[in-house]
Protein backbone atom coordinates (compact mmCIF):
# COMPACT_ATOMS: atom_id res chain seq x y z
CA UNK A 1 -99.81 0.02 52.80
CA UNK A 2 -102.38 -0.14 55.45
CA UNK A 3 -102.82 -3.63 55.87
CA UNK A 4 -98.90 -4.14 54.86
CA UNK A 5 -98.68 -1.93 58.22
CA UNK A 6 -101.09 -4.38 60.18
CA UNK A 7 -99.78 -7.72 58.92
CA UNK A 8 -96.07 -6.34 60.15
CA UNK A 9 -96.97 -5.27 63.82
CA UNK A 10 -98.95 -8.58 64.83
CA UNK A 11 -96.94 -9.35 67.57
CA UNK A 12 -98.48 -13.03 68.37
CA UNK A 13 -96.56 -13.97 64.85
CA UNK A 14 -94.49 -16.65 65.37
CA UNK A 15 -90.72 -16.35 64.76
CA UNK A 16 -89.18 -19.55 62.58
CA UNK A 17 -85.81 -20.95 64.49
CA UNK A 18 -83.58 -22.52 61.51
CA UNK A 19 -80.34 -23.42 62.16
CA UNK A 20 -77.17 -21.56 60.28
CA UNK A 21 -73.77 -23.62 59.86
CA UNK A 22 -71.41 -20.78 59.29
CA UNK A 23 -71.03 -17.32 60.39
CA UNK A 24 -71.90 -14.83 57.27
CA UNK A 25 -68.90 -12.91 55.97
CA UNK A 26 -71.29 -10.63 54.38
CA UNK A 27 -74.53 -10.47 53.93
CA UNK A 28 -73.68 -7.77 50.77
CA UNK A 29 -75.23 -10.16 47.64
CA UNK A 30 -72.38 -8.60 45.17
CA UNK A 31 -69.84 -9.31 47.85
CA UNK A 32 -71.28 -12.84 49.32
CA UNK A 33 -69.99 -16.74 47.83
CA UNK A 34 -71.69 -19.05 50.09
CA UNK A 35 -75.29 -20.82 50.35
CA UNK A 36 -75.30 -19.99 54.03
CA UNK A 37 -75.17 -16.25 52.96
CA UNK A 38 -77.87 -15.96 50.52
CA UNK A 39 -79.98 -17.99 53.11
CA UNK A 40 -80.43 -14.86 55.03
CA UNK A 41 -79.48 -12.32 52.13
CA UNK A 42 -82.83 -13.61 50.26
CA UNK A 43 -84.54 -13.15 53.57
CA UNK A 44 -83.87 -9.80 53.43
CA UNK A 45 -84.06 -8.88 49.29
CA UNK A 46 -85.18 -9.57 46.62
CA UNK A 47 -84.22 -9.52 42.85
CA UNK A 48 -85.74 -8.76 39.33
CA UNK A 49 -86.92 -12.90 39.41
CA UNK A 50 -86.95 -15.27 41.79
CA UNK A 51 -86.01 -19.27 41.48
CA UNK A 52 -88.51 -21.33 41.09
CA UNK A 53 -89.02 -24.23 44.16
CA UNK A 54 -90.38 -27.10 41.28
CA UNK A 55 -86.95 -25.94 38.99
CA UNK A 56 -89.19 -24.44 36.50
CA UNK A 57 -89.15 -20.92 35.13
CA UNK A 58 -88.11 -18.49 37.21
CA UNK A 59 -90.88 -16.41 39.21
CA UNK A 60 -91.86 -13.04 39.37
CA UNK A 61 -89.63 -10.96 41.70
CA UNK A 62 -89.60 -7.23 41.54
CA UNK A 63 -90.08 -7.65 37.88
CA UNK A 64 -94.10 -8.46 37.56
CA UNK A 65 -93.85 -9.57 33.49
CA UNK A 66 -90.73 -9.31 30.75
CA UNK A 67 -90.09 -9.89 27.54
CA UNK A 68 -87.35 -10.38 24.89
CA UNK A 69 -87.10 -9.46 21.48
CA UNK A 70 -87.04 -12.65 18.47
CA UNK A 71 -83.64 -12.43 18.58
CA UNK A 72 -83.22 -13.13 22.15
CA UNK A 73 -80.48 -10.10 22.45
CA UNK A 74 -82.49 -7.52 24.10
CA UNK A 75 -84.25 -8.41 27.74
CA UNK A 76 -87.10 -6.14 28.88
CA UNK A 77 -88.52 -6.04 32.76
CA UNK A 78 -91.47 -4.49 33.80
CA UNK A 79 -91.34 -3.76 37.68
CA UNK A 80 -93.61 -3.44 40.19
CA UNK A 81 -94.69 -0.24 41.46
CA UNK A 82 -95.02 -1.35 44.74
CA UNK A 83 -92.02 -2.88 45.75
CA UNK A 84 -90.06 -0.80 48.46
CA UNK A 85 -86.89 -0.73 49.99
CA UNK A 86 -87.32 -1.17 53.81
CA UNK A 87 -86.93 2.83 54.25
CA UNK A 88 -89.89 3.01 52.10
CA UNK A 89 -87.95 4.56 49.47
CA UNK A 90 -89.03 3.60 45.89
CA UNK A 91 -87.40 0.27 43.89
CA UNK A 92 -86.41 1.75 40.78
CA UNK A 93 -84.52 0.79 37.45
CA UNK A 94 -82.11 2.68 38.42
CA UNK A 95 -81.30 0.43 41.61
CA UNK A 96 -80.76 -2.31 39.46
CA UNK A 97 -78.18 -0.29 36.99
CA UNK A 98 -76.33 0.88 39.62
CA UNK A 99 -76.57 -2.55 40.80
CA UNK A 100 -74.71 -4.18 38.03
CA UNK A 101 -72.10 -0.99 37.69
CA UNK A 102 -71.65 -1.57 41.19
CA UNK A 103 -70.76 -5.80 40.19
CA UNK A 104 -68.65 -4.94 37.09
CA UNK A 105 -66.59 -2.26 39.00
CA UNK A 106 -63.01 -3.64 39.89
CA UNK A 107 -62.62 -1.94 43.14
CA UNK A 108 -65.83 -3.57 44.48
CA UNK A 109 -64.24 -7.16 44.26
CA UNK A 110 -67.36 -8.89 43.41
CA UNK A 111 -66.21 -12.45 43.69
CA UNK A 112 -69.27 -13.60 41.33
CA UNK A 113 -68.88 -10.54 39.14
CA UNK A 114 -68.53 -13.68 35.88
CA UNK A 115 -72.38 -13.64 36.22
CA UNK A 116 -73.04 -10.10 34.61
CA UNK A 117 -70.25 -10.89 31.58
CA UNK A 118 -73.63 -12.30 29.29
CA UNK A 119 -74.76 -8.23 29.41
CA UNK A 120 -73.28 -6.82 26.08
CA UNK A 121 -69.66 -5.22 26.99
CA UNK A 122 -70.24 -6.63 30.63
CA UNK A 123 -66.26 -8.39 30.44
CA UNK A 124 -65.09 -5.31 28.58
CA UNK A 125 -65.83 -2.56 31.48
CA UNK A 126 -65.19 -5.21 34.40
CA UNK A 127 -61.17 -5.20 32.46
CA UNK A 128 -60.90 -1.81 32.19
CA UNK A 129 -60.77 -1.97 28.04
CA UNK A 130 -64.46 -0.28 28.17
CA UNK A 131 -64.56 3.07 30.55
CA UNK A 132 -67.74 4.70 29.30
CA UNK A 133 -70.53 2.21 31.09
CA UNK A 134 -73.11 3.53 29.16
CA UNK A 135 -71.52 1.20 26.76
CA UNK A 136 -72.57 -1.50 28.66
CA UNK A 137 -76.21 -3.06 27.78
CA UNK A 138 -78.20 -2.19 30.31
CA UNK A 139 -80.66 1.19 31.13
CA UNK A 140 -83.55 2.72 32.67
CA UNK A 141 -85.64 4.60 30.33
CA UNK A 142 -87.92 5.20 32.91
CA UNK A 143 -88.12 4.48 36.73
CA UNK A 144 -90.16 1.03 36.54
CA UNK A 145 -88.43 -0.30 33.19
CA UNK A 146 -85.06 -1.60 32.71
CA UNK A 147 -83.73 -2.90 29.69
CA UNK A 148 -80.56 -5.59 29.19
CA UNK A 149 -78.52 -6.29 26.10
CA UNK A 150 -76.45 -9.57 26.08
CA UNK A 151 -73.52 -10.51 23.97
CA UNK A 152 -75.25 -12.95 22.07
CA UNK A 153 -78.80 -14.92 22.75
CA UNK A 154 -78.56 -16.95 26.12
CA UNK A 155 -81.33 -19.85 26.60
CA UNK A 156 -80.85 -20.08 30.28
CA UNK A 157 -80.52 -16.38 31.14
CA UNK A 158 -83.74 -15.94 33.22
CA UNK A 159 -82.09 -18.77 35.55
CA UNK A 160 -78.94 -16.30 35.69
CA UNK A 161 -81.02 -13.23 36.27
CA UNK A 162 -82.45 -14.93 39.31
CA UNK A 163 -79.06 -15.94 40.91
CA UNK A 164 -77.69 -14.05 44.04
CA UNK A 165 -75.45 -11.45 43.30
CA UNK A 166 -78.22 -9.97 40.81
CA UNK A 167 -80.30 -9.00 43.62
CA UNK A 168 -79.83 -5.39 44.25
CA UNK A 169 -78.23 -3.17 46.84
CA UNK A 170 -79.77 0.39 47.72
CA UNK A 171 -76.92 2.52 46.37
CA UNK A 172 -77.38 5.49 48.40
CA UNK A 173 -76.87 3.60 52.22
CA UNK A 174 -74.14 1.94 50.46
CA UNK A 175 -72.22 4.93 49.57
CA UNK A 176 -72.99 6.47 52.73
CA UNK A 177 -71.97 3.87 55.08
CA UNK A 178 -69.74 1.72 53.11
CA UNK A 179 -69.39 -1.80 54.97
CA UNK A 180 -70.94 -0.81 57.92
CA UNK A 181 -74.45 -0.49 55.39
CA UNK A 182 -75.13 -4.01 55.85
CA UNK A 183 -75.54 -4.32 60.02
CA UNK A 184 -78.20 -4.04 62.11
CA UNK A 185 -79.91 -1.01 62.00
CA UNK A 186 -78.26 0.02 58.82
CA UNK A 187 -79.18 -2.62 56.46
CA UNK A 188 -82.05 -1.38 54.01
CA UNK A 189 -82.85 -4.23 51.37
CA UNK A 190 -86.36 -4.57 49.63
CA UNK A 191 -86.97 -8.39 50.97
CA UNK A 192 -89.74 -9.10 52.96
CA UNK A 193 -88.07 -9.40 56.51
CA UNK A 194 -85.57 -6.54 58.03
CA UNK A 195 -82.01 -7.02 60.13
CA UNK A 196 -82.66 -6.39 63.53
CA UNK A 197 -80.02 -8.19 65.37
CA UNK A 198 -76.84 -10.15 65.04
CA UNK A 199 -74.69 -11.43 67.42
CA UNK A 200 -71.46 -12.76 66.03
CA UNK A 201 -71.18 -16.51 65.96
CA UNK A 202 -74.58 -16.91 67.73
CA UNK A 203 -77.07 -15.43 66.15
CA UNK A 204 -78.82 -13.18 63.17
CA UNK A 205 -82.71 -12.24 63.67
CA UNK A 206 -84.69 -10.39 60.91
CA UNK A 207 -88.38 -9.51 61.42
CA UNK A 208 -91.07 -8.98 58.95
CA UNK A 209 -91.09 -5.55 57.05
CA UNK A 210 -93.91 -3.44 56.87
CA UNK A 211 -93.18 -2.30 53.06
CA UNK A 212 -92.78 -5.86 51.30
CA UNK A 213 -94.19 -5.62 48.48
CA UNK A 214 -96.24 -9.38 48.31
CA UNK A 215 -96.96 -8.94 52.16
CA UNK A 216 -99.99 -11.17 52.14
CA UNK A 217 -97.50 -13.94 51.10
CA UNK A 218 -95.44 -13.70 54.75
CA UNK A 219 -96.96 -15.24 57.77
CA UNK A 220 -93.82 -15.29 59.61
CA UNK A 221 -93.44 -12.52 62.39
CA UNK A 222 -89.81 -13.42 62.08
CA UNK A 223 -86.76 -15.79 61.27
CA UNK A 224 -84.13 -16.27 64.04
CA UNK A 225 -81.07 -17.97 61.97
CA UNK A 226 -78.96 -19.89 64.57
CA UNK A 227 -75.39 -20.12 64.36
CA UNK A 228 -73.90 -23.94 65.56
CA UNK A 229 -71.14 -25.89 64.74
CA UNK A 230 -71.74 -29.34 63.85
CA UNK A 231 -74.64 -31.54 62.88
CA UNK A 232 -74.63 -33.08 66.14
CA UNK A 233 -74.95 -30.00 67.70
CA UNK A 234 -77.63 -28.81 65.79
CA UNK A 235 -79.74 -32.49 66.23
CA UNK A 236 -79.30 -32.11 70.32
CA UNK A 237 -80.38 -28.23 69.55
CA UNK A 238 -83.78 -29.85 67.51
CA UNK A 239 -84.63 -32.58 70.14
CA UNK A 240 -84.31 -30.03 72.80
CA UNK A 241 -86.95 -27.97 71.14
CA UNK A 242 -84.54 -25.11 70.10
CA UNK A 243 -84.91 -25.36 66.41
CA UNK A 244 -87.58 -25.87 63.63
CA UNK A 245 -85.45 -26.59 60.60
CA UNK A 246 -82.16 -27.96 60.67
CA UNK A 247 -79.18 -27.82 58.02
CA UNK A 248 -78.05 -31.37 58.42
CA UNK A 249 -78.34 -35.12 60.06
CA UNK A 250 -75.56 -36.82 61.71
CA UNK A 251 -75.25 -40.26 59.71
CA UNK A 252 -75.56 -42.22 62.65
CA UNK A 253 -78.55 -40.45 63.65
CA UNK A 254 -80.38 -40.53 60.28
CA UNK A 255 -81.87 -44.48 60.70
CA UNK A 256 -83.42 -43.57 64.31
CA UNK A 257 -85.33 -40.91 62.18
CA UNK A 258 -85.99 -43.13 59.46
CA UNK A 259 -87.90 -45.28 61.93
CA UNK A 260 -89.95 -42.88 63.45
CA UNK A 261 -93.75 -42.38 62.84
CA UNK A 262 -94.46 -39.07 61.31
CA UNK A 263 -90.29 -38.60 61.45
CA UNK A 264 -89.42 -34.73 60.88
CA UNK A 265 -86.78 -36.30 58.55
CA UNK A 266 -86.50 -35.18 54.90
CA UNK A 267 -84.36 -36.22 52.47
CA UNK A 268 -83.50 -34.17 49.30
CA UNK A 269 -81.43 -34.62 45.70
CA UNK A 270 -78.74 -31.17 45.46
CA UNK A 271 -77.39 -30.13 42.05
CA UNK A 272 -74.17 -30.41 43.94
CA UNK A 273 -71.02 -32.06 42.37
CA UNK A 274 -68.46 -33.10 45.06
CA UNK A 275 -65.33 -33.77 43.14
CA UNK A 276 -61.37 -34.37 43.46
CA UNK A 277 -59.37 -31.41 41.49
CA UNK A 278 -56.30 -32.49 39.89
CA UNK A 279 -53.83 -29.85 40.04
CA UNK A 280 -52.39 -30.66 36.05
CA UNK A 281 -49.37 -28.52 36.77
CA UNK A 282 -47.61 -30.77 38.84
CA UNK A 283 -46.27 -34.33 37.55
CA UNK A 284 -47.16 -36.69 37.09
CA UNK A 285 -51.08 -35.29 37.28
CA UNK A 286 -50.00 -33.77 33.86
CA UNK A 287 -50.52 -36.98 32.60
CA UNK A 288 -53.85 -37.88 31.50
CA UNK A 289 -52.79 -41.80 31.98
CA UNK A 290 -52.08 -40.98 35.52
CA UNK A 291 -55.63 -38.77 35.73
CA UNK A 292 -57.85 -41.69 34.13
CA UNK A 293 -56.26 -44.42 36.27
CA UNK A 294 -56.87 -42.23 39.41
CA UNK A 295 -61.12 -42.66 38.25
CA UNK A 296 -61.28 -45.98 36.69
CA UNK A 297 -59.82 -47.27 40.15
CA UNK A 298 -62.37 -45.80 42.27
CA UNK A 299 -65.58 -47.18 43.40
CA UNK A 300 -68.00 -44.68 43.81
CA UNK A 301 -71.12 -46.65 44.99
CA UNK A 302 -69.42 -47.93 47.77
CA UNK A 303 -68.92 -44.24 49.07
CA UNK A 304 -72.14 -43.74 48.61
CA UNK A 305 -74.14 -46.66 49.94
CA UNK A 306 -71.71 -47.67 52.59
CA UNK A 307 -70.01 -44.29 53.90
CA UNK A 308 -72.28 -41.67 53.31
CA UNK A 309 -75.57 -43.52 53.51
CA UNK A 310 -78.02 -40.22 53.06
CA UNK A 311 -79.34 -40.13 49.66
CA UNK A 312 -76.02 -39.24 47.87
CA UNK A 313 -75.54 -40.40 44.00
CA UNK A 314 -72.28 -42.32 42.48
CA UNK A 315 -71.30 -39.21 39.59
CA UNK A 316 -70.03 -40.60 36.68
CA UNK A 317 -70.39 -37.21 34.89
CA UNK A 318 -69.24 -33.88 36.30
CA UNK A 319 -72.81 -31.88 35.52
CA UNK A 320 -75.85 -33.03 37.30
CA UNK A 321 -78.44 -35.09 35.82
CA UNK A 322 -81.59 -32.87 35.84
CA UNK A 323 -79.52 -29.55 36.34
CA UNK A 324 -81.52 -26.88 33.59
CA UNK A 325 -83.26 -29.95 32.50
CA UNK A 326 -79.89 -31.23 31.17
CA UNK A 327 -78.58 -35.19 30.32
CA UNK A 328 -75.28 -36.00 30.15
CA UNK A 329 -73.95 -37.72 26.75
CA UNK A 330 -70.89 -39.60 28.61
CA UNK A 331 -69.88 -41.42 31.02
CA UNK A 332 -67.28 -42.50 33.46
CA UNK A 333 -66.53 -45.79 34.06
CA UNK A 334 -64.72 -47.52 36.77
CA UNK A 335 -62.53 -50.57 35.87
CA UNK A 336 -59.34 -51.38 38.01
CA UNK A 337 -57.91 -53.57 35.99
CA UNK A 338 -57.55 -51.14 33.29
CA UNK A 339 -56.64 -48.13 36.06
CA UNK A 340 -53.52 -50.48 36.46
CA UNK A 341 -52.66 -50.88 33.12
CA UNK A 342 -52.40 -47.14 31.87
CA UNK A 343 -50.54 -46.36 35.35
CA UNK A 344 -48.21 -49.02 34.33
CA UNK A 345 -47.96 -47.39 30.96
CA UNK A 346 -47.28 -43.80 32.27
CA UNK A 347 -44.30 -45.46 34.01
CA UNK A 348 -45.81 -46.21 37.12
CA UNK A 349 -46.42 -50.58 37.57
CA UNK A 350 -47.54 -51.56 40.63
CA UNK A 351 -47.41 -47.74 41.40
CA UNK A 352 -43.54 -48.45 41.99
CA UNK A 353 -41.61 -44.79 42.13
CA UNK A 354 -45.25 -43.27 41.73
CA UNK A 355 -44.15 -39.96 44.35
CA UNK A 356 -46.56 -39.69 47.37
CA UNK A 357 -49.41 -36.53 46.99
CA UNK A 358 -51.14 -34.76 48.97
CA UNK A 359 -55.24 -34.50 49.00
CA UNK A 360 -56.13 -31.67 50.94
CA UNK A 361 -59.64 -31.00 52.21
CA UNK A 362 -61.04 -27.97 54.90
CA UNK A 363 -62.65 -30.60 56.97
CA UNK A 364 -65.28 -32.28 54.94
CA UNK A 365 -65.42 -35.33 53.36
CA UNK A 366 -63.07 -37.26 56.00
CA UNK A 367 -64.62 -40.61 56.05
CA UNK A 368 -64.96 -41.01 51.75
CA UNK A 369 -61.32 -39.52 51.32
CA UNK A 370 -59.65 -41.85 53.65
CA UNK A 371 -61.46 -44.37 51.59
CA UNK A 372 -59.98 -43.15 48.36
CA UNK A 373 -57.08 -43.17 49.78
CA UNK A 374 -56.90 -46.94 50.93
CA UNK A 375 -58.64 -47.78 47.70
CA UNK A 376 -55.66 -46.48 45.81
CA UNK A 377 -53.23 -48.05 47.92
CA UNK A 378 -54.94 -51.35 47.15
CA UNK A 379 -55.74 -51.16 43.79
CA UNK A 380 -53.10 -49.07 42.23
CA UNK A 381 -50.28 -49.32 45.00
CA UNK A 382 -49.51 -45.59 45.62
CA UNK A 383 -49.74 -43.43 48.51
CA UNK A 384 -51.58 -40.28 49.03
CA UNK A 385 -51.89 -38.31 52.63
CA UNK A 386 -54.79 -36.54 53.74
CA UNK A 387 -54.17 -32.54 54.69
CA UNK A 388 -56.73 -31.27 56.54
CA UNK A 389 -56.87 -27.21 56.06
CA UNK A 390 -58.71 -24.61 57.13
CA UNK A 391 -61.80 -23.60 54.67
CA UNK A 392 -60.26 -20.12 53.89
CA UNK A 393 -56.61 -21.65 53.51
CA UNK A 394 -57.68 -24.56 51.74
CA UNK A 395 -59.42 -22.44 48.92
CA UNK A 396 -56.62 -20.26 48.47
CA UNK A 397 -54.25 -22.84 47.53
CA UNK A 398 -56.88 -24.28 45.13
CA UNK A 399 -56.43 -21.02 44.08
CA UNK A 400 -52.71 -20.76 43.25
CA UNK A 401 -52.18 -24.46 42.36
CA UNK A 402 -50.32 -24.67 45.85
CA UNK A 403 -51.21 -28.43 45.71
CA UNK A 404 -51.72 -31.60 45.05
CA UNK A 405 -55.48 -33.24 44.80
CA UNK A 406 -58.19 -31.44 46.38
CA UNK A 407 -61.81 -31.86 47.46
CA UNK A 408 -63.76 -29.83 46.12
CA UNK A 409 -67.76 -28.70 46.14
CA UNK A 410 -69.38 -27.60 42.92
CA UNK A 411 -72.27 -25.30 43.88
CA UNK A 412 -74.15 -23.78 40.78
CA UNK A 413 -74.85 -20.22 41.15
CA UNK A 414 -78.00 -20.81 38.63
CA UNK A 415 -79.80 -23.55 37.26
CA UNK A 416 -77.72 -24.00 34.09
CA UNK A 417 -74.69 -26.61 33.26
CA UNK A 418 -73.07 -23.50 31.67
CA UNK A 419 -72.32 -22.40 34.77
CA UNK A 420 -70.00 -25.50 35.61
CA UNK A 421 -68.27 -26.31 32.52
CA UNK A 422 -67.15 -22.54 32.50
CA UNK A 423 -65.39 -22.87 35.45
CA UNK A 424 -62.80 -24.91 33.37
CA UNK A 425 -62.24 -22.18 30.69
CA UNK A 426 -58.68 -20.27 31.08
CA UNK A 427 -58.33 -17.58 33.79
CA UNK A 428 -61.58 -18.51 35.41
CA UNK A 429 -61.16 -17.52 39.21
CA UNK A 430 -62.60 -21.02 39.93
CA UNK A 431 -60.18 -23.18 37.65
CA UNK A 432 -58.58 -24.82 40.40
CA UNK A 433 -56.93 -28.09 38.10
CA UNK A 434 -55.19 -25.23 35.97
CA UNK A 435 -56.19 -26.63 33.04
CA UNK A 436 -56.57 -25.15 30.10
CA UNK A 437 -57.83 -26.90 26.68
CA UNK A 438 -59.19 -23.87 23.93
CA UNK A 439 -61.01 -26.65 22.53
CA UNK A 440 -63.11 -27.10 25.37
CA UNK A 441 -63.28 -23.14 25.68
CA UNK A 442 -64.49 -22.92 22.42
CA UNK A 443 -67.16 -24.70 22.48
CA UNK A 444 -68.56 -22.99 25.62
CA UNK A 445 -68.29 -20.06 23.09
CA UNK A 446 -72.10 -21.72 21.51
CA UNK A 447 -74.79 -21.54 23.64
CA UNK A 448 -77.26 -24.47 24.64
CA UNK A 449 -76.88 -28.00 25.32
CA UNK A 450 -74.74 -29.37 21.82
CA UNK A 451 -71.82 -27.51 22.76
CA UNK A 452 -72.20 -28.40 26.70
CA UNK A 453 -72.50 -32.00 25.82
CA UNK A 454 -69.26 -31.82 23.90
CA UNK A 455 -67.41 -29.66 26.22
CA UNK A 456 -68.66 -31.97 29.26
CA UNK A 457 -67.11 -35.16 27.05
CA UNK A 458 -63.91 -33.34 26.69
CA UNK A 459 -63.94 -32.15 30.36
CA UNK A 460 -64.05 -36.52 31.39
CA UNK A 461 -62.09 -37.51 28.90
CA UNK A 462 -59.18 -35.14 29.68
CA UNK A 463 -60.25 -35.57 33.48
CA UNK A 464 -58.59 -32.80 34.98
CA UNK A 465 -60.89 -33.38 37.95
CA UNK A 466 -62.59 -36.65 38.83
CA UNK A 467 -66.05 -36.31 40.20
CA UNK A 468 -67.22 -38.42 42.97
CA UNK A 469 -70.65 -38.24 43.58
CA UNK A 470 -73.53 -36.07 43.46
CA UNK A 471 -74.63 -34.72 47.03
CA UNK A 472 -78.09 -34.89 49.14
CA UNK A 473 -78.96 -32.91 52.00
CA UNK A 474 -80.48 -34.49 54.95
CA UNK A 475 -82.21 -32.41 57.47
CA UNK A 476 -85.00 -31.98 60.08
CA UNK A 477 -88.33 -30.15 60.12
CA UNK A 478 -90.71 -29.96 62.66
CA UNK A 479 -94.04 -30.99 62.39
CA UNK A 480 -95.26 -27.47 63.23
CA UNK A 481 -93.39 -25.91 59.96
CA UNK A 482 -95.72 -25.95 56.85
CA UNK A 483 -95.08 -24.66 53.98
CA UNK A 484 -91.42 -25.21 54.02
CA UNK A 485 -89.52 -25.52 50.75
CA UNK A 486 -85.52 -26.09 49.57
CA UNK A 487 -84.41 -26.38 45.89
CA UNK A 488 -81.98 -28.34 44.81
CA UNK A 489 -79.44 -25.37 44.47
CA UNK A 490 -79.62 -24.89 48.20
CA UNK A 491 -82.28 -21.84 47.95
CA UNK A 492 -84.67 -21.74 50.46
CA UNK A 493 -88.38 -20.44 49.95
CA UNK A 494 -89.79 -18.06 53.15
CA UNK A 495 -92.87 -17.27 51.02
CA UNK A 496 -96.12 -19.16 52.40
CA UNK A 497 -94.49 -20.57 55.73
CA UNK A 498 -96.38 -20.71 58.79
CA UNK A 499 -96.26 -22.36 62.18
CA UNK A 500 -98.62 -23.62 63.90
CA UNK A 501 -99.80 -21.53 67.16
CA UNK A 502 -98.08 -22.56 69.94
């Protein structure tokens, strides 16, 4: 511990300055939903296992090792006895039991509670049909051992455990302070840094924790997350020497950075599908022929190559290829003649009598949506108006079905196709098309790639959603930053990152 304290106290260790696009709504891992929030949460807290930056098997976190029974139903995690909370308390198996119970308690209103449903009896407890938490398949036989029993074997259980909502909270602090627990001076985490400052809509600052159990891997004295409202603002701050890592690069600046020697520009593929949700409860989107016509008439290559121009790829399937090792079995085609034939068959020849629909977004993807709007008018003879909404209003309209077509970003919570596919099952909170197909739901009751491939094929046949493109991230990293890593799920890795001495 003396070595950890000495390292944490070093006054001349530099602070990394990172752009933060959105003001966090919360730093509570059971309540957070956005990658922007988990950028900070993962600096402050750590789960049982950590995502792997190479996309392989998750890496040790609080758990140093784990094993499962041959049938894959029971998992045992062995916790590092050196793991500590930022107030010096030991991290115990009971902390994980309490955090899981909290996530499954309806009063918590955890938006990602379903990520715990693979645990035996977890969904029953969440829905109130089971009131005894002792019957849920999570237990701590001792302070350093956590046991989890699943409803059924799950090949991607470890990636699930590495997801952000599985990060624990310090239950005593949460009970004592309520919502105020996550403020500076109150936040008790078990990660490499401590929250020291939060100036709303300006910046958040974290400093290295003297209690982190892998202190030798933390080379930074701290991180400052600087909240900036646009890519243009970020890029100017980067050029002025006020930022070390940006969130994005304006499209108009990409070529200039590409041409620089020793360019700070990085472009990385993301396992993120941007798509159109079609409200299948509304006429004429309740007709699969109309939905197919809208998809067939698109030119996705034009969207990515002529408008976006930052490494995005046309999406001819819904699941990003490579997510959890997945390879799609079905791909979409594009054919404007077939689109016109289907639209006429549905009763709208040349777009005649087709009702005017609204395509809504939250301010993102405007140029892409304008191109789609023009394409549909030119190829199908239909008129679609664009509607810009505030982000929260857009999300609320998707959820309650008060929209026609909506632009949506699908970012998996963990590295598995199941996490994306399950969103289109009955009653799922993110089933924005309000589509229900019993055959689709039944396929997802069977684990593994064969059923996932069949489920995706059904989704692409019925098209309650129209995949547009797989997103990519263009961002800037100052040459003085070493060891910076991000993965395709928007996870940032702070271990072994260091800066040149100033």
